[in-house]
Amino acid sequence: MVGLALEAGMSSILIAIVLVERYHLDIKKFIEIVTLTLLLSLGTLPLWQWLLDQQLV
C-alpha cells in the first residue's frame, strides 16, 4: 500500500510531453518545471515514506 501511495504522488511526464508537443508550448519552460519537480520529489519522497511507515498520514 505504501508503494502505491508513493507512486501516485510522482509526476506523470509522458502526458505532459504529449501536451507540450500537441499545443506547441515552450519546451524550455517544460524542461525547467520537470527538473524542479524531480529535485523536489527527491527531498519529499523519503519524508512521505517515513510518514506512511509510521502511519501518521
PDB file of N, CA and C in Angstrom:
ATOM      1  N   MET A   1       0.813  -1.189   0.000  1.00  0.00           N
ATOM      2  CA  MET A   1       0.000   0.000   0.000  1.00  0.00           C
ATOM      3  C   MET A   1       0.869   1.272   0.000  1.00  0.00           C
ATOM      4  N   VAL A   2       1.984   1.222   0.699  1.00  0.00           N
ATOM      5  CA  VAL A   2       2.881   2.370   0.750  1.00  0.00           C
ATOM      6  C   VAL A   2       3.439   2.659  -0.639  1.00  0.00           C
ATOM      7  N   GLY A   3       3.817   1.594  -1.357  1.00  0.00           N
ATOM      8  CA  GLY A   3       4.349   1.767  -2.712  1.00  0.00           C
ATOM      9  C   GLY A   3       3.343   2.408  -3.647  1.00  0.00           C
ATOM     10  N   LEU A   4       2.091   2.023  -3.514  1.00  0.00           N
ATOM     11  CA  LEU A   4       1.038   2.597  -4.345  1.00  0.00           C
ATOM     12  C   LEU A   4       0.850   4.079  -4.044  1.00  0.00           C
ATOM     13  N   ALA A   5       0.892   4.444  -2.784  1.00  0.00           N
ATOM     14  CA  ALA A   5       0.735   5.849  -2.403  1.00  0.00           C
ATOM     15  C   ALA A   5       1.901   6.692  -2.918  1.00  0.00           C
ATOM     16  N   LEU A   6       3.119   6.149  -2.840  1.00  0.00           N
ATOM     17  CA  LEU A   6       4.280   6.895  -3.325  1.00  0.00           C
ATOM     18  C   LEU A   6       4.258   7.022  -4.842  1.00  0.00           C
ATOM     19  N   GLU A   7       3.848   5.980  -5.536  1.00  0.00           N
ATOM     20  CA  GLU A   7       3.776   6.024  -6.999  1.00  0.00           C
ATOM     21  C   GLU A   7       2.734   7.034  -7.458  1.00  0.00           C
ATOM     22  N   ALA A   8       1.627   7.132  -6.758  1.00  0.00           N
ATOM     23  CA  ALA A   8       0.568   8.086  -7.120  1.00  0.00           C
ATOM     24  C   ALA A   8       1.044   9.522  -6.967  1.00  0.00           C
ATOM     25  N   GLY A   9       1.996   9.755  -6.095  1.00  0.00           N
ATOM     26  CA  GLY A   9       2.495  11.105  -5.876  1.00  0.00           C
ATOM     27  C   GLY A   9       3.523  11.564  -6.882  1.00  0.00           C
ATOM     28  N   MET A  10       4.009  10.671  -7.717  1.00  0.00           N
ATOM     29  CA  MET A  10       5.038  11.037  -8.688  1.00  0.00           C
ATOM     30  C   MET A  10       4.402  11.636  -9.942  1.00  0.00           C
ATOM     31  N   SER A  11       5.136  12.529 -10.575  1.00  0.00           N
ATOM     32  CA  SER A  11       4.573  13.212 -11.737  1.00  0.00           C
ATOM     33  C   SER A  11       4.467  12.288 -12.942  1.00  0.00           C
ATOM     34  N   SER A  12       3.487  12.550 -13.770  1.00  0.00           N
ATOM     35  CA  SER A  12       3.302  11.794 -14.997  1.00  0.00           C
ATOM     36  C   SER A  12       3.846  12.629 -16.146  1.00  0.00           C
ATOM     37  N   ILE A  13       5.092  12.375 -16.512  1.00  0.00           N
ATOM     38  CA  ILE A  13       5.780  13.189 -17.500  1.00  0.00           C
ATOM     39  C   ILE A  13       5.318  12.864 -18.915  1.00  0.00           C
ATOM     40  N   LEU A  14       4.935  11.624 -19.162  1.00  0.00           N
ATOM     41  CA  LEU A  14       4.545  11.215 -20.508  1.00  0.00           C
ATOM     42  C   LEU A  14       3.368  12.037 -21.023  1.00  0.00           C
ATOM     43  N   ILE A  15       2.351  12.227 -20.214  1.00  0.00           N
ATOM     44  CA  ILE A  15       1.186  13.010 -20.634  1.00  0.00           C
ATOM     45  C   ILE A  15       1.592  14.458 -20.885  1.00  0.00           C
ATOM     46  N   ALA A  16       2.458  14.983 -20.055  1.00  0.00           N
ATOM     47  CA  ALA A  16       2.904  16.366 -20.222  1.00  0.00           C
ATOM     48  C   ALA A  16       3.683  16.549 -21.520  1.00  0.00           C
ATOM     49  N   ILE A  17       4.506  15.578 -21.879  1.00  0.00           N
ATOM     50  CA  ILE A  17       5.264  15.668 -23.133  1.00  0.00           C
ATOM     51  C   ILE A  17       4.316  15.716 -24.324  1.00  0.00           C
ATOM     52  N   VAL A  18       3.288  14.880 -24.289  1.00  0.00           N
ATOM     53  CA  VAL A  18       2.295  14.871 -25.370  1.00  0.00           C
ATOM     54  C   VAL A  18       1.602  16.221 -25.485  1.00  0.00           C
ATOM     55  N   LEU A  19       1.222  16.806 -24.358  1.00  0.00           N
ATOM     56  CA  LEU A  19       0.549  18.110 -24.380  1.00  0.00           C
ATOM     57  C   LEU A  19       1.465  19.217 -24.898  1.00  0.00           C
ATOM     58  N   VAL A  20       2.736  19.187 -24.493  1.00  0.00           N
ATOM     59  CA  VAL A  20       3.683  20.212 -24.945  1.00  0.00           C
ATOM     60  C   VAL A  20       3.845  20.157 -26.458  1.00  0.00           C
ATOM     61  N   GLU A  21       3.984  18.958 -26.994  1.00  0.00           N
ATOM     62  CA  GLU A  21       4.163  18.841 -28.440  1.00  0.00           C
ATOM     63  C   GLU A  21       2.873  19.122 -29.201  1.00  0.00           C
ATOM     64  N   ARG A  22       1.751  18.702 -28.659  1.00  0.00           N
ATOM     65  CA  ARG A  22       0.463  18.874 -29.351  1.00  0.00           C
ATOM     66  C   ARG A  22       0.100  20.349 -29.485  1.00  0.00           C
ATOM     67  N   TYR A  23       0.309  21.121 -28.424  1.00  0.00           N
ATOM     68  CA  TYR A  23      -0.102  22.532 -28.425  1.00  0.00           C
ATOM     69  C   TYR A  23       1.065  23.492 -28.645  1.00  0.00           C
ATOM     70  N   HIS A  24       2.226  22.974 -29.042  1.00  0.00           N
ATOM     71  CA  HIS A  24       3.407  23.788 -29.371  1.00  0.00           C
ATOM     72  C   HIS A  24       3.746  24.772 -28.245  1.00  0.00           C
ATOM     73  N   LEU A  25       3.869  24.228 -27.047  1.00  0.00           N
ATOM     74  CA  LEU A  25       4.201  25.051 -25.887  1.00  0.00           C
ATOM     75  C   LEU A  25       5.710  25.205 -25.752  1.00  0.00           C
ATOM     76  N   ASP A  26       6.120  26.005 -24.792  1.00  0.00           N
ATOM     77  CA  ASP A  26       7.537  26.310 -24.564  1.00  0.00           C
ATOM     78  C   ASP A  26       8.242  25.090 -23.963  1.00  0.00           C
ATOM     79  N   ILE A  27       9.078  24.453 -24.763  1.00  0.00           N
ATOM     80  CA  ILE A  27       9.755  23.232 -24.325  1.00  0.00           C
ATOM     81  C   ILE A  27      10.793  23.539 -23.250  1.00  0.00           C
ATOM     82  N   LYS A  28      11.469  24.668 -23.349  1.00  0.00           N
ATOM     83  CA  LYS A  28      12.477  25.025 -22.340  1.00  0.00           C
ATOM     84  C   LYS A  28      11.832  25.179 -20.965  1.00  0.00           C
ATOM     85  N   LYS A  29      10.687  25.843 -20.918  1.00  0.00           N
ATOM     86  CA  LYS A  29       9.979  26.019 -19.641  1.00  0.00           C
ATOM     87  C   LYS A  29       9.517  24.671 -19.094  1.00  0.00           C
ATOM     88  N   PHE A  30       9.065  23.791 -19.998  1.00  0.00           N
ATOM     89  CA  PHE A  30       8.639  22.446 -19.592  1.00  0.00           C
ATOM     90  C   PHE A  30       9.793  21.681 -18.946  1.00  0.00           C
ATOM     91  N   ILE A  31      10.962  21.744 -19.557  1.00  0.00           N
ATOM     92  CA  ILE A  31      12.123  21.042 -19.016  1.00  0.00           C
ATOM     93  C   ILE A  31      12.505  21.604 -17.646  1.00  0.00           C
ATOM     94  N   GLU A  32      12.424  22.916 -17.484  1.00  0.00           N
ATOM     95  CA  GLU A  32      12.733  23.539 -16.191  1.00  0.00           C
ATOM     96  C   GLU A  32      11.770  23.060 -15.113  1.00  0.00           C
ATOM     97  N   ILE A  33      10.488  22.999 -15.443  1.00  0.00           N
ATOM     98  CA  ILE A  33       9.476  22.576 -14.469  1.00  0.00           C
ATOM     99  C   ILE A  33       9.669  21.110 -14.097  1.00  0.00           C
ATOM    100  N   VAL A  34       9.923  20.263 -15.085  1.00  0.00           N
ATOM    101  CA  VAL A  34      10.137  18.840 -14.810  1.00  0.00           C
ATOM    102  C   VAL A  34      11.366  18.641 -13.931  1.00  0.00           C
ATOM    103  N   THR A  35      12.442  19.371 -14.214  1.00  0.00           N
ATOM    104  CA  THR A  35      13.658  19.267 -13.413  1.00  0.00           C
ATOM    105  C   THR A  35      13.408  19.722 -11.981  1.00  0.00           C
ATOM    106  N   LEU A  36      12.712  20.823 -11.814  1.00  0.00           N
ATOM    107  CA  LEU A  36      12.412  21.329 -10.476  1.00  0.00           C
ATOM    108  C   LEU A  36      11.557  20.342  -9.685  1.00  0.00           C
ATOM    109  N   THR A  37      10.516  19.799 -10.306  1.00  0.00           N
ATOM    110  CA  THR A  37       9.661  18.851  -9.587  1.00  0.00           C
ATOM    111  C   THR A  37      10.398  17.559  -9.263  1.00  0.00           C
ATOM    112  N   LEU A  38      11.310  17.148 -10.135  1.00  0.00           N
ATOM    113  CA  LEU A  38      12.104  15.953  -9.845  1.00  0.00           C
ATOM    114  C   LEU A  38      12.998  16.193  -8.631  1.00  0.00           C
ATOM    115  N   LEU A  39      13.648  17.343  -8.589  1.00  0.00           N
ATOM    116  CA  LEU A  39      14.509  17.658  -7.447  1.00  0.00           C
ATOM    117  C   LEU A  39      13.711  17.768  -6.152  1.00  0.00           C
ATOM    118  N   LEU A  40      12.536  18.364  -6.225  1.00  0.00           N
ATOM    119  CA  LEU A  40      11.689  18.459  -5.036  1.00  0.00           C
ATOM    120  C   LEU A  40      11.216  17.082  -4.574  1.00  0.00           C
ATOM    121  N   SER A  41      10.920  16.210  -5.521  1.00  0.00           N
ATOM    122  CA  SER A  41      10.443  14.881  -5.138  1.00  0.00           C
ATOM    123  C   SER A  41      11.552  14.067  -4.466  1.00  0.00           C
ATOM    124  N   LEU A  42      12.808  14.301  -4.855  1.00  0.00           N
ATOM    125  CA  LEU A  42      13.913  13.592  -4.209  1.00  0.00           C
ATOM    126  C   LEU A  42      13.996  13.935  -2.722  1.00  0.00           C
ATOM    127  N   GLY A  43      13.579  15.140  -2.372  1.00  0.00           N
ATOM    128  CA  GLY A  43      13.590  15.540  -0.970  1.00  0.00           C
ATOM    129  C   GLY A  43      12.334  15.164  -0.207  1.00  0.00           C
ATOM    130  N   THR A  44      11.205  15.124  -0.896  1.00  0.00           N
ATOM    131  CA  THR A  44       9.957  14.884  -0.183  1.00  0.00           C
ATOM    132  C   THR A  44       9.517  13.423  -0.165  1.00  0.00           C
ATOM    133  N   LEU A  45       9.924  12.617  -1.148  1.00  0.00           N
ATOM    134  CA  LEU A  45       9.513  11.209  -1.144  1.00  0.00           C
ATOM    135  C   LEU A  45       9.997  10.443   0.092  1.00  0.00           C
ATOM    136  N   PRO A  46      11.249  10.630   0.539  1.00  0.00           N
ATOM    137  CA  PRO A  46      11.647   9.940   1.777  1.00  0.00           C
ATOM    138  C   PRO A  46      10.815  10.382   2.983  1.00  0.00           C
ATOM    139  N   LEU A  47      10.451  11.652   3.019  1.00  0.00           N
ATOM    140  CA  LEU A  47       9.611  12.132   4.108  1.00  0.00           C
ATOM    141  C   LEU A  47       8.242  11.458   4.078  1.00  0.00           C
ATOM    142  N   TRP A  48       7.632  11.392   2.906  1.00  0.00           N
ATOM    143  CA  TRP A  48       6.326  10.726   2.777  1.00  0.00           C
ATOM    144  C   TRP A  48       6.426   9.246   3.121  1.00  0.00           C
ATOM    145  N   GLN A  49       7.514   8.594   2.709  1.00  0.00           N
ATOM    146  CA  GLN A  49       7.671   7.177   3.036  1.00  0.00           C
ATOM    147  C   GLN A  49       7.764   6.988   4.543  1.00  0.00           C
ATOM    148  N   TRP A  50       8.506   7.840   5.207  1.00  0.00           N
ATOM    149  CA  TRP A  50       8.614   7.743   6.664  1.00  0.00           C
ATOM    150  C   TRP A  50       7.262   7.966   7.322  1.00  0.00           C
ATOM    151  N   LEU A  51       6.525   8.985   6.859  1.00  0.00           N
ATOM    152  CA  LEU A  51       5.204   9.248   7.434  1.00  0.00           C
ATOM    153  C   LEU A  51       4.249   8.078   7.217  1.00  0.00           C
ATOM    154  N   LEU A  52       4.287   7.483   6.043  1.00  0.00           N
ATOM    155  CA  LEU A  52       3.413   6.344   5.773  1.00  0.00           C
ATOM    156  C   LEU A  52       3.830   5.114   6.576  1.00  0.00           C
ATOM    157  N   ASP A  53       5.136   4.923   6.761  1.00  0.00           N
ATOM    158  CA  ASP A  53       5.599   3.799   7.574  1.00  0.00           C
ATOM    159  C   ASP A  53       5.199   3.948   9.039  1.00  0.00           C
ATOM    160  N   GLN A  54       5.170   5.186   9.517  1.00  0.00           N
ATOM    161  CA  GLN A  54       4.785   5.458  10.893  1.00  0.00           C
ATOM    162  C   GLN A  54       3.269   5.522  11.069  1.00  0.00           C
ATOM    163  N   GLN A  55       2.544   5.424   9.970  1.00  0.00           N
ATOM    164  CA  GLN A  55       1.084   5.518   9.930  1.00  0.00           C
ATOM    165  C   GLN A  55       0.584   6.836  10.523  1.00  0.00           C
ATOM    166  N   LEU A  56       1.304   7.907  10.203  1.00  0.00           N
ATOM    167  CA  LEU A  56       0.925   9.240  10.666  1.00  0.00           C
ATOM    168  C   LEU A  56       0.000   9.945   9.686  1.00  0.00           C
ATOM    169  N   VAL A  57      -0.117   9.392   8.484  1.00  0.00           N
ATOM    170  CA  VAL A  57      -0.962  10.007   7.463  1.00  0.00           C
ATOM    171  C   VAL A  57      -2.136   9.112   7.196  1.00  0.00           C
TER     172      VAL A  57
END
